[in-house]
Protein backbone atom coordinates (compact mmCIF):
# COMPACT_ATOMS: atom_id res chain seq x y z
CA MET A 1 172.83 35.89 -40.77
CA ALA A 2 171.29 39.39 -40.70
CA LEU A 3 169.02 40.25 -37.46
CA LEU A 4 165.83 41.74 -40.13
CA ASP A 5 166.56 40.45 -43.84
CA VAL A 6 163.68 42.59 -46.07
CA GLN A 7 163.51 41.02 -49.38
CA ASN A 8 161.66 42.39 -52.81
CA LEU A 9 159.44 44.41 -51.12
CA THR A 10 157.12 45.85 -53.06
CA PHE A 11 153.46 47.71 -50.44
CA SER A 12 150.36 50.24 -50.98
CA TYR A 13 147.97 51.51 -49.38
CA PRO A 14 144.38 50.98 -50.87
CA GLU A 15 143.43 52.66 -53.59
CA ALA A 16 146.67 54.33 -53.69
CA SER A 17 148.53 54.75 -57.61
CA VAL A 18 151.63 54.13 -56.42
CA PRO A 19 153.15 52.08 -54.00
CA ALA A 20 154.71 53.21 -51.13
CA LEU A 21 157.71 51.16 -50.93
CA ARG A 22 158.70 49.26 -53.97
CA GLU A 23 161.22 46.36 -54.16
CA VAL A 24 163.16 47.48 -51.11
CA ASN A 25 166.77 45.02 -50.12
CA LEU A 26 167.83 45.62 -46.70
CA GLN A 27 169.52 44.40 -44.11
CA ILE A 28 170.73 44.93 -39.93
CA GLY A 29 172.61 43.12 -38.27
CA ALA A 30 172.49 41.89 -34.76
CA GLY A 31 174.23 45.23 -33.23
CA GLU A 32 173.86 48.10 -36.07
CA PHE A 33 172.69 51.13 -35.60
CA VAL A 34 171.05 52.51 -38.46
CA VAL A 35 169.37 55.77 -39.37
CA ILE A 36 166.46 55.69 -42.70
CA CYS A 37 165.92 59.31 -43.82
CA GLY A 38 164.43 60.78 -46.76
CA ARG A 39 161.93 63.37 -47.46
CA SER A 40 159.45 63.58 -45.81
CA GLY A 41 156.61 60.77 -47.40
CA CYS A 42 158.79 58.52 -49.58
CA GLY A 43 158.79 55.95 -47.30
CA LYS A 44 159.75 55.91 -43.81
CA SER A 45 157.80 54.92 -41.63
CA THR A 46 156.17 52.49 -43.68
CA LEU A 47 159.11 50.83 -43.69
CA ILE A 48 159.35 50.64 -40.26
CA ARG A 49 155.74 49.47 -39.19
CA GLN A 50 156.27 46.19 -41.53
CA PHE A 51 159.00 45.12 -38.64
CA LYS A 52 156.58 44.56 -35.94
CA SER A 53 153.31 42.34 -37.82
CA ALA A 54 150.51 43.71 -35.06
CA LEU A 55 151.73 47.91 -36.50
CA THR A 56 151.62 45.89 -40.50
CA PRO A 57 149.28 48.66 -42.27
CA HIS A 58 146.66 47.13 -44.48
CA GLY A 59 147.12 47.10 -47.48
CA THR A 60 148.80 45.21 -50.48
CA ARG A 61 152.35 43.51 -50.05
CA THR A 62 154.74 41.47 -52.11
CA GLY A 63 158.41 40.24 -51.32
CA GLU A 64 159.49 38.79 -47.71
CA ILE A 65 160.64 40.39 -43.85
CA PHE A 66 162.35 37.23 -42.14
CA TYR A 67 163.46 38.06 -38.50
CA LYS A 68 166.33 35.44 -37.20
CA GLY A 69 166.10 33.40 -40.69
CA THR A 70 162.52 33.04 -40.23
CA PRO A 71 159.37 34.96 -42.62
CA LEU A 72 158.05 37.92 -39.76
CA HIS A 73 154.55 36.93 -39.80
CA GLN A 74 155.63 33.41 -38.97
CA VAL A 75 157.33 34.85 -35.33
CA ASP A 76 154.61 34.25 -32.98
CA LEU A 77 153.12 37.55 -32.19
CA ARG A 78 154.28 37.35 -28.31
CA THR A 79 157.75 36.48 -29.10
CA GLN A 80 157.64 40.28 -31.87
CA ALA A 81 156.33 41.81 -28.71
CA GLY A 82 159.06 40.91 -26.29
CA GLU A 83 162.06 40.95 -29.18
CA ILE A 84 161.09 43.35 -31.36
CA GLY A 85 159.99 46.90 -29.07
CA PHE A 86 158.75 49.82 -30.93
CA VAL A 87 158.85 53.39 -30.03
CA MET A 88 156.46 56.05 -31.46
CA GLN A 89 156.63 59.44 -32.96
CA ASN A 90 153.88 60.83 -30.62
CA PRO A 91 154.72 59.80 -26.92
CA GLN A 92 151.10 60.21 -26.02
CA GLN A 93 149.72 58.11 -28.60
CA GLN A 94 151.84 54.32 -27.06
CA MET A 95 150.36 55.30 -23.32
CA VAL A 96 147.58 53.18 -22.36
CA THR A 97 147.90 53.51 -17.88
CA ASP A 98 148.38 56.32 -15.64
CA LYS A 99 150.68 55.59 -14.02
CA VAL A 100 154.57 55.49 -13.88
CA TRP A 101 155.05 52.55 -12.60
CA HIS A 102 152.31 50.60 -14.28
CA GLU A 103 153.53 51.84 -17.24
CA MET A 104 156.56 50.62 -17.38
CA ALA A 105 154.96 47.11 -15.84
CA PHE A 106 152.13 46.75 -18.82
CA GLY A 107 154.19 44.96 -21.40
CA LEU A 108 155.46 42.35 -18.68
CA GLU A 109 151.83 41.59 -17.57
CA ASN A 110 150.85 41.41 -21.09
CA LEU A 111 154.03 38.92 -21.13
CA GLY A 112 152.33 36.89 -18.78
CA LEU A 113 155.84 37.11 -16.56
CA GLU A 114 155.20 36.59 -12.61
CA LEU A 115 156.29 39.35 -9.95
CA GLY A 116 158.80 39.40 -8.69
CA ASP A 117 160.60 39.21 -12.57
CA MET A 118 158.37 41.73 -13.42
CA ARG A 119 159.70 44.42 -9.69
CA LEU A 120 163.06 43.37 -10.80
CA ARG A 121 162.70 44.70 -14.49
CA VAL A 122 160.84 47.49 -13.43
CA ALA A 123 163.75 48.54 -10.53
CA GLU A 124 166.39 47.81 -12.48
CA MET A 125 164.63 50.11 -16.09
CA ALA A 126 163.28 52.64 -13.47
CA SER A 127 167.60 52.83 -12.06
CA TYR A 128 169.62 52.39 -15.50
CA PHE A 129 167.19 55.57 -16.68
CA GLY A 130 166.74 57.70 -13.89
CA LEU A 131 162.92 57.56 -12.98
CA GLN A 132 163.27 57.17 -9.49
CA GLY A 133 162.24 60.77 -9.05
CA TRP A 134 158.89 60.47 -11.08
CA PHE A 135 158.48 57.48 -10.26
CA ASP A 136 154.52 57.54 -8.52
CA ARG A 137 153.72 60.15 -10.81
CA LYS A 138 151.15 60.72 -13.24
CA VAL A 139 151.77 60.32 -17.24
CA GLU A 140 149.73 63.56 -17.98
CA GLU A 141 151.66 65.07 -15.63
CA LEU A 142 154.97 64.53 -17.94
CA SER A 143 156.28 66.65 -19.56
CA GLY A 144 156.75 65.55 -23.63
CA GLY A 145 160.47 64.46 -23.12
CA GLU A 146 160.31 62.80 -19.81
CA GLN A 147 156.26 60.60 -21.71
CA GLN A 148 158.90 58.98 -24.74
CA LEU A 149 161.56 58.16 -21.88
CA LEU A 150 159.73 56.23 -20.46
CA ASN A 151 158.30 55.05 -23.42
CA LEU A 152 161.81 53.61 -24.31
CA ALA A 153 162.17 52.49 -20.51
CA SER A 154 158.82 50.15 -20.81
CA VAL A 155 159.10 48.80 -24.45
CA MET A 156 163.30 47.89 -22.60
CA ALA A 157 162.05 46.28 -19.65
CA MET A 158 160.38 43.08 -21.63
CA HIS A 159 164.29 43.03 -22.84
CA PRO A 160 164.58 43.72 -26.96
CA GLN A 161 166.56 42.17 -29.42
CA VAL A 162 166.14 45.14 -31.54
CA LEU A 163 164.56 48.95 -30.93
CA VAL A 164 162.27 49.83 -33.37
CA LEU A 165 162.07 54.25 -33.12
CA ASP A 166 159.77 55.95 -35.30
CA GLU A 167 161.18 60.01 -35.45
CA PRO A 168 161.01 59.70 -31.94
CA THR A 169 162.52 63.07 -31.41
CA SER A 170 159.74 65.08 -32.86
CA GLN A 171 158.37 66.72 -29.97
CA LEU A 172 161.69 67.74 -28.47
CA ASP A 173 163.65 70.15 -27.23
CA PRO A 174 167.07 70.16 -27.78
CA MET A 175 168.13 69.42 -24.89
CA ALA A 176 165.95 66.71 -24.14
CA ALA A 177 166.10 65.62 -28.00
CA THR A 178 170.40 65.28 -27.33
CA ASP A 179 169.74 63.34 -23.91
CA PHE A 180 167.16 61.07 -25.60
CA LEU A 181 169.39 60.49 -28.71
CA HIS A 182 172.43 59.46 -26.45
CA THR A 183 171.16 57.49 -24.85
CA LEU A 184 170.52 55.47 -27.23
CA GLN A 185 173.60 55.86 -28.28
CA ARG A 186 174.39 54.16 -25.59
CA LEU A 187 172.22 51.03 -25.38
CA ASN A 188 173.78 50.47 -28.44
CA GLN A 189 177.54 50.20 -27.48
CA GLN A 190 176.51 49.46 -24.00
CA LEU A 191 174.31 46.94 -24.73
CA GLY A 192 174.84 46.05 -27.51
CA LEU A 193 171.32 46.80 -28.66
CA THR A 194 170.57 47.42 -32.35
CA VAL A 195 168.91 50.57 -32.91
CA VAL A 196 166.90 51.19 -35.98
CA VAL A 197 165.71 54.60 -36.23
CA VAL A 198 163.79 57.19 -38.48
CA GLU A 199 164.79 60.51 -37.75
CA HIS A 200 165.25 64.63 -39.60
CA ARG A 201 167.10 65.18 -37.00
CA LEU A 202 170.20 64.38 -38.24
CA ASP A 203 173.49 66.89 -37.26
CA GLN A 204 173.55 64.21 -34.01
CA VAL A 205 172.28 61.27 -34.99
CA PHE A 206 174.54 60.74 -38.17
CA PRO A 207 177.56 60.21 -36.24
CA MET A 208 176.39 58.09 -34.04
CA ALA A 209 174.77 55.62 -37.23
CA ASP A 210 176.67 52.18 -38.91
CA ARG A 211 175.01 52.69 -40.74
CA VAL A 212 172.93 55.16 -43.22
CA VAL A 213 169.72 53.67 -45.49
CA VAL A 214 168.73 56.57 -47.12
CA LEU A 215 164.69 56.43 -48.80
CA GLU A 216 163.14 58.60 -52.18
CA GLU A 217 159.75 57.88 -53.90
CA GLY A 218 159.15 54.22 -52.21
CA LYS A 219 162.86 53.15 -52.79
CA VAL A 220 166.82 52.82 -51.11
CA LEU A 221 168.92 55.93 -52.78
CA CYS A 222 171.75 55.64 -50.54
CA ASN A 223 173.12 52.89 -48.19
CA GLY A 224 176.32 52.52 -46.61
CA SER A 225 178.62 54.98 -43.71
CA PRO A 226 177.45 58.05 -42.39
CA ARG A 227 180.19 59.71 -44.33
CA GLN A 228 179.76 57.71 -47.73
CA VAL A 229 176.03 58.97 -47.56
CA GLY A 230 176.65 62.60 -46.52
CA GLN A 231 179.36 62.59 -50.24
CA ALA A 232 176.36 60.23 -51.87
CA LEU A 233 174.49 63.39 -51.63
CA ALA A 234 175.99 66.89 -51.38
CA HIS A 235 174.86 67.29 -55.00
CA HIS A 236 171.66 65.85 -54.39
CA PRO A 237 168.61 68.45 -52.94
CA LEU A 238 168.43 65.52 -50.09
CA GLY A 239 171.90 67.17 -49.65
CA VAL A 240 170.18 69.41 -46.87
CA CYS A 241 169.19 66.97 -45.40
CA CYS A 242 172.44 65.85 -43.77
CA PRO A 243 174.65 67.52 -40.55
CA VAL A 244 175.74 71.03 -41.02
CA PRO A 245 179.22 70.25 -41.34
CA MET A 246 178.63 68.25 -44.06
CA GLN A 247 176.09 70.57 -46.28
CA ILE A 248 179.27 73.85 -45.48
CA TYR A 249 181.85 71.47 -46.08
CA ASN A 250 180.35 69.68 -49.17
CA ARG A 251 178.83 73.61 -50.73
CA VAL A 252 182.73 75.43 -49.92
CA GLU A 253 184.95 72.58 -50.95
CA GLY A 254 183.54 69.39 -51.43
CA GLY A 255 185.47 65.81 -51.76
CA GLU A 256 186.05 63.08 -48.84
CA ALA A 257 187.44 64.51 -46.09
CA CYS A 258 184.10 65.56 -45.17
CA PRO A 259 183.03 66.86 -41.08
CA MET A 260 180.36 65.20 -39.88
CA THR A 261 180.23 66.95 -36.31
CA VAL A 262 181.21 70.49 -34.68
CA LYS A 263 183.75 69.22 -33.16
CA GLU A 264 185.11 68.56 -36.67
CA GLY A 265 184.03 70.56 -38.51
CA ARG A 266 185.43 73.28 -36.36
CA THR A 267 188.87 72.12 -37.06
CA TRP A 268 188.18 72.23 -41.00
CA LEU A 269 187.19 76.07 -40.73
CA GLU A 270 190.92 77.10 -38.83
CA GLN A 271 192.07 77.00 -42.08
CA TYR A 272 189.58 80.32 -42.66
CA ARG A 273 190.35 82.47 -39.43
CA ASP A 274 192.61 84.56 -40.74
CA LYS A 275 189.96 85.29 -43.03
CA PRO A 276 188.64 88.96 -43.58
CA GLN A 277 185.11 88.67 -42.02
CA PRO A 278 182.54 89.67 -44.81
CA PRO A 279 180.71 92.39 -43.70
CA VAL A 280 177.61 90.89 -41.47
CA GLU A 281 174.43 91.84 -43.12
CA ILE A 282 171.69 93.52 -40.10
CA PRO A 283 167.95 94.38 -40.92
CA ALA A 284 167.28 97.44 -40.74
CA GLN A 285 165.27 97.58 -37.42
CA PRO A 286 161.46 98.05 -38.67
CA ALA A 287 159.08 101.18 -38.20
CA PRO A 288 157.11 100.18 -34.78
CA ARG A 289 153.89 98.34 -36.07
CA ASP A 290 150.15 97.40 -34.84
CA LEU A 291 150.34 94.23 -32.25
CA ALA A 292 147.90 91.36 -34.06
CA LEU A 293 148.78 89.46 -30.81
CA GLU A 294 148.96 90.73 -27.26
CA ALA A 295 148.79 88.47 -23.48
CA ARG A 296 148.76 91.02 -20.44
CA GLU A 297 150.71 90.24 -17.33
CA VAL A 298 148.54 86.48 -18.18
CA TRP A 299 148.23 83.38 -15.19
CA PHE A 300 147.01 80.01 -16.49
CA ARG A 301 146.72 76.57 -14.54
CA TYR A 302 145.08 73.81 -16.02
CA ASP A 303 143.83 72.33 -13.00
CA ARG A 304 142.20 75.20 -10.25
CA HIS A 305 144.24 74.24 -7.19
CA GLY A 306 147.04 73.18 -9.73
CA ALA A 307 150.11 74.43 -10.53
CA ASP A 308 150.64 77.47 -12.37
CA VAL A 309 151.85 76.74 -15.85
CA LEU A 310 151.57 80.46 -17.14
CA GLN A 311 153.26 83.11 -14.62
CA GLY A 312 152.50 87.01 -15.68
CA LEU A 313 153.01 86.55 -19.29
CA ASN A 314 153.70 89.48 -21.17
CA LEU A 315 154.17 88.38 -25.08
CA GLN A 316 153.84 91.12 -27.88
CA VAL A 317 153.76 89.84 -31.40
CA PRO A 318 154.33 93.29 -34.19
CA ARG A 319 152.13 92.39 -37.33
CA GLY A 320 153.25 91.00 -39.83
CA GLN A 321 156.22 88.88 -38.29
CA LEU A 322 157.48 85.68 -38.01
CA TYR A 323 157.69 85.44 -34.84
CA ALA A 324 159.31 81.66 -33.09
CA LEU A 325 158.66 81.06 -28.95
CA MET A 326 160.79 78.45 -27.93
CA GLY A 327 161.70 76.66 -24.43
CA GLY A 328 162.18 72.98 -23.09
CA ASN A 329 158.88 71.21 -22.89
CA GLY A 330 156.58 70.97 -20.34
CA GLY A 331 157.44 75.21 -19.98
CA GLY A 332 154.29 76.90 -21.49
CA LYS A 333 154.61 77.64 -24.90
CA THR A 334 151.43 75.59 -26.06
CA THR A 335 149.29 77.11 -23.91
CA ALA A 336 150.58 80.55 -24.66
CA LEU A 337 148.68 79.17 -28.67
CA SER A 338 145.74 77.78 -26.76
CA LEU A 339 145.44 81.11 -25.07
CA PHE A 340 145.19 83.32 -28.26
CA SER A 341 143.11 80.67 -30.24
CA GLY A 342 140.43 81.26 -28.00
CA GLU A 343 140.65 76.60 -26.52
CA HIS A 344 141.20 78.42 -23.07
CA TRP A 345 140.62 81.50 -21.27
CA PRO A 346 144.06 83.12 -18.31
CA TYR A 347 141.99 83.17 -15.05
CA ARG A 348 144.37 86.69 -14.59
CA GLY A 349 145.26 89.21 -17.39
CA GLN A 350 144.14 90.22 -20.88
CA ILE A 351 144.78 88.21 -24.66
CA ARG A 352 144.33 91.31 -26.98
CA ILE A 353 144.45 90.32 -30.34
CA GLY A 354 144.11 93.41 -33.71
CA GLY A 355 144.32 95.92 -29.61
CA GLN A 356 140.90 94.22 -29.57
CA VAL A 357 140.51 92.63 -25.58
CA ARG A 358 139.57 88.25 -26.56
CA LYS A 359 136.98 87.76 -23.82
CA ARG A 360 134.98 84.36 -23.72
CA GLY A 361 131.36 84.05 -25.74
CA ARG A 362 132.82 86.62 -28.15
CA PRO A 363 134.20 84.93 -31.21
CA LEU A 364 136.77 86.25 -33.64
CA GLU A 365 135.08 87.04 -37.04
CA ARG A 366 135.36 84.60 -39.94
CA GLY A 367 139.35 85.04 -41.14
CA ILE A 368 141.05 86.38 -38.09
CA LEU A 369 142.83 83.68 -36.72
CA GLY A 370 144.09 80.56 -38.56
CA VAL A 371 145.24 77.43 -36.14
CA LEU A 372 147.79 74.57 -36.88
CA PRO A 373 147.86 72.47 -33.29
CA GLN A 374 150.50 69.62 -32.51
CA ASN A 375 148.09 67.02 -33.76
CA PRO A 376 147.24 67.66 -37.38
CA GLN A 377 145.05 64.16 -36.63
CA CYS A 378 142.36 66.57 -34.98
CA LEU A 379 141.77 68.74 -38.34
CA PHE A 380 140.25 65.23 -40.43
CA VAL A 381 137.18 64.59 -40.64
CA ARG A 382 136.60 63.25 -44.08
CA ASP A 383 138.70 59.56 -45.20
CA THR A 384 140.28 62.01 -47.82
CA VAL A 385 142.64 64.59 -48.50
CA GLY A 386 140.82 66.05 -51.09
CA ALA A 387 137.18 65.64 -49.69
CA ASP A 388 138.70 67.05 -46.63
CA LEU A 389 140.19 70.56 -48.42
CA GLU A 390 135.99 70.65 -50.43
CA GLU A 391 134.62 69.47 -46.73
CA LEU A 392 136.25 72.89 -45.41
CA LEU A 393 135.71 75.38 -48.44
CA ASP A 394 132.02 74.15 -47.88
CA GLU A 395 132.13 76.45 -45.20
CA LEU A 396 133.78 79.50 -46.83
CA PRO A 397 131.53 82.65 -48.96
CA LEU A 398 133.29 82.03 -52.34
CA SER A 399 132.37 81.75 -55.59
CA ARG A 400 133.09 78.84 -57.80
CA THR A 401 136.34 80.21 -58.88
CA GLU A 402 137.50 81.40 -55.28
CA ARG A 403 137.49 77.92 -54.30
CA GLU A 404 138.65 76.40 -56.78
CA ASP A 405 141.23 79.32 -57.25
CA ARG A 406 142.43 78.72 -53.53
CA LEU A 407 142.40 74.66 -53.47
CA ALA A 408 145.02 74.73 -56.11
CA GLN A 409 146.93 77.01 -54.87
CA ALA A 410 147.19 75.08 -51.10
CA ILE A 411 147.08 71.83 -52.94
CA ARG A 412 151.11 72.90 -54.75
CA VAL A 413 152.55 75.19 -51.96
CA THR A 414 152.05 71.34 -50.04
CA GLN A 415 152.53 69.69 -51.97
CA LEU A 416 149.63 67.41 -51.64
CA GLU A 417 149.03 66.87 -55.79
CA GLY A 418 150.23 62.89 -54.80
CA VAL A 419 147.92 62.19 -51.72
CA LEU A 420 144.81 63.55 -51.92
CA GLY A 421 142.96 60.45 -52.65
CA GLN A 422 144.48 58.39 -49.25
CA HIS A 423 143.10 58.68 -45.97
CA PRO A 424 144.78 61.27 -44.08
CA TYR A 425 145.76 58.43 -41.55
CA ASP A 426 147.47 57.25 -43.66
CA LEU A 427 149.77 59.59 -44.24
CA SER A 428 153.07 59.95 -42.98
CA GLY A 429 153.94 62.32 -40.18
CA GLY A 430 155.25 65.15 -42.43
CA GLU A 431 152.34 64.37 -45.01
CA GLN A 432 149.66 64.49 -41.80
CA GLN A 433 151.81 68.48 -41.18
CA ARG A 434 151.27 69.56 -44.84
CA ALA A 435 148.34 68.13 -45.12
CA ALA A 436 146.54 70.01 -41.89
CA LEU A 437 148.82 73.66 -43.09
CA ALA A 438 146.76 73.24 -46.33
CA LYS A 439 143.19 73.54 -44.52
CA VAL A 440 145.00 76.92 -42.06
CA LEU A 441 146.15 78.32 -45.25
CA LEU A 442 142.36 77.78 -47.57
CA LEU A 443 141.13 80.30 -45.05
CA ASP A 444 143.40 83.18 -45.42
CA PRO A 445 143.83 84.10 -41.79
CA GLU A 446 145.07 86.99 -40.65
CA ILE A 447 147.15 85.53 -38.56
CA LEU A 448 148.26 82.11 -38.20
CA LEU A 449 148.94 79.93 -34.80
CA LEU A 450 150.81 77.11 -35.91
CA ASP A 451 152.00 74.63 -32.87
CA GLU A 452 155.99 72.72 -34.16
CA PRO A 453 154.66 73.45 -38.48
CA THR A 454 158.15 71.58 -38.94
CA LYS A 455 157.87 68.78 -36.96
CA GLY A 456 158.61 65.37 -39.53
CA LEU A 457 159.63 68.14 -42.51
CA ASP A 458 162.10 66.75 -44.61
CA GLY A 459 164.46 69.45 -44.61
CA CYS A 460 163.63 70.04 -48.30
CA TYR A 461 160.27 71.17 -47.71
CA LYS A 462 161.01 73.65 -44.34
CA GLN A 463 163.04 75.51 -47.40
CA THR A 464 159.42 75.40 -49.47
CA LEU A 465 157.10 75.61 -46.06
CA ALA A 466 160.13 78.91 -45.59
CA GLN A 467 159.31 80.99 -49.08
CA VAL A 468 155.53 79.94 -47.91
CA LEU A 469 155.95 81.55 -44.61
CA GLY A 470 157.57 84.58 -46.00
CA ALA A 471 155.10 84.80 -48.82
CA LEU A 472 152.34 85.60 -46.59
CA THR A 473 154.21 88.26 -43.43
CA GLY A 474 154.85 89.56 -46.51
CA GLN A 475 151.66 91.10 -47.46
CA GLY A 476 151.38 92.32 -44.27
CA LYS A 477 150.10 88.48 -42.35
CA THR A 478 151.32 87.87 -39.22
CA VAL A 479 152.40 83.99 -38.08
CA PHE A 480 152.82 83.05 -34.11
CA MET A 481 155.22 79.87 -34.19
CA VAL A 482 155.80 77.86 -30.95
CA SER A 483 159.27 75.33 -32.56
CA HIS A 484 161.27 73.86 -31.03
CA ASP A 485 163.64 73.88 -34.95
CA VAL A 486 166.31 76.09 -33.66
CA GLU A 487 168.11 76.09 -37.35
CA PHE A 488 164.38 76.83 -39.51
CA CYS A 489 164.11 79.73 -36.74
CA ALA A 490 167.57 81.15 -36.82
CA ALA A 491 167.30 80.97 -40.20
CA TYR A 492 163.45 82.21 -41.65
CA ALA A 493 162.07 83.88 -38.05
CA ASP A 494 161.72 87.88 -37.64
CA THR A 495 162.23 87.65 -33.37
CA CYS A 496 162.35 84.88 -31.21
CA GLY A 497 161.18 84.72 -27.37
CA LEU A 498 162.42 81.58 -24.84
CA LEU A 499 159.63 81.53 -22.78
CA PHE A 500 160.93 79.11 -19.03
CA ARG A 501 158.27 78.01 -16.57
CA GLY A 502 155.89 80.28 -17.73
CA GLN A 503 157.57 83.47 -18.55
CA LEU A 504 159.08 85.26 -21.19
CA VAL A 505 162.88 85.46 -20.40
CA CYS A 506 164.04 85.92 -23.61
CA GLN A 507 162.81 88.64 -26.89
CA LYS A 508 165.25 89.64 -28.99
CA PRO A 509 165.62 89.69 -33.59
CA ALA A 510 166.68 86.07 -34.40
CA ARG A 511 170.31 86.78 -34.98
CA ASP A 512 170.68 88.19 -31.58
CA PHE A 513 168.91 85.37 -29.67
CA PHE A 514 171.17 82.84 -31.19
CA LEU A 515 174.24 84.40 -31.28
CA GLY A 516 174.46 84.84 -26.87
CA ASN A 517 173.52 81.37 -26.92
CA HIS A 518 175.83 77.91 -25.86
CA PHE A 519 173.15 75.36 -26.52
CA TYR A 520 170.84 77.10 -26.99
CA THR A 521 172.03 78.17 -30.92
CA THR A 522 172.09 76.86 -34.52
CA ALA A 523 175.45 74.03 -35.37
CA ALA A 524 176.92 76.68 -37.25
CA ASN A 525 176.88 79.17 -34.77
CA GLN A 526 178.06 75.69 -32.60
CA MET A 527 181.17 74.77 -35.19
CA ALA A 528 182.02 78.64 -35.97
CA ARG A 529 181.74 80.87 -33.57
CA ASP A 530 185.75 80.97 -32.82
CA VAL A 531 186.55 82.00 -36.63
CA PHE A 532 183.01 83.98 -37.34
CA PRO A 533 181.93 84.56 -34.04
CA GLN A 534 179.07 86.49 -36.19
CA ALA A 535 177.71 84.03 -38.27
CA VAL A 536 174.22 81.97 -36.94
CA THR A 537 173.33 79.95 -40.07
CA VAL A 538 174.84 77.74 -42.91
CA GLU A 539 174.53 80.24 -45.66
CA ASP A 540 176.77 82.44 -43.06
CA VAL A 541 179.43 80.60 -43.04
CA VAL A 542 178.66 79.53 -46.87
CA ARG A 543 179.71 83.62 -47.43
CA ALA A 544 182.44 84.15 -45.10
CA CYS A 545 184.50 81.10 -45.85
CA THR A 546 183.43 81.44 -50.03
CA GLN A 547 183.65 85.14 -50.13
CA ASP A 548 186.71 85.78 -51.95
CA LYS A 549 186.14 82.83 -54.61
């Protein structure tokens, strides 16, 4: 008997013209590690939120979900709360208390456990997850990775039998994401815990999975082992979502013996060791440009008596570039972006926009800056996506024709045609990201400040986003992007900077930035560095393997 059994499930959001899920059939056995993936808006989050009655979105549903053979709606909420654990995409949305220890105990209090049992479970989980060092800290002081680990520990303290996760690594830096995913694997292998995870970062989670389920337009497109799914997607547009070794193999050879991990990819690439390497296309050094953004000896702290988040930051962003600022969670990236946007002000140093010192109380002219925050929901003010976009246009001094043209273009490049009538909060994380980006593009700013713009986006739309940003920089506009997406930055950024403990420790052209790193680099570089040392992206490796074909 399956632990979770989805039978002919169809679900539609209120007033939606197309169902979010259509006749989904899926069985998840006890102890399985199942990965659910697909394009943004294909129904992944909608599906897994059906696995817990308290989280099921409002709408019309047909079909049935069984938990241990019992219809889920007949399973009491207390049992669901204890046995079906759920970890959300944004760790801050799941936290309800102020201290780490209280957060871990909160769910147990609601289950009505005795004090002795609560203490034992909290102590056990704090030890298992290594939380002893920050047991008494405030949750607001934790980095994104620490908050997500705390959420996982708090859920595990209730001893669930199935753990459901909705893009849990989307806001984590590469190192923290790796640690988090390995923790999930350990829980699955050591405790036999059933894990169901929705994820876009597939390079590491694919090899961990027993089964991969791919959704497309609300239907199950593929359901099988990771290698079977990789082979099935070899010539499908969703093939760009597969792990990098699979992408490279499918474009070079194809067939069944497909490498799935970097280790397997290295072994497969050995056959090309003696192949002459193609010349590396090194872009010509651009002529010196005016600076669009500049931070000069900037110091900043959130609390007057707190620690400095930025410590003498010096950062220069040339006009017309796509600049990617990278680094670990809590390193100060979003803080730096907030100083450029004017949300916060340094207590020492200067922020310059277009060569002019930014001063408190002197707003910039309209059309200079456009800001995409880390939480896209901050930008939504109306009941539908279409009304939200039109409301912004009402504030701009444009003719009717100009408004219609700009709106149509923003909708087209962000691929929002099918969700204009939906409430922004009913959208998936990736769709919300695209809707927020559309609002920024409507402003047609000279400088775009983007905080994690690829968060929640599938590989297919990332390529579209890259084309949009490339067109903007081609027009002389500047894009300053805070990102954890190593593959995207390596493929499309002009310059990358690394922020560590509030200081810029490295700034180089994207290719040079990633070539010298062991961990903070692309999967393609890790896979090919012994055979093609200058390869950084998937395109580099494919070109090196096929240059004579």
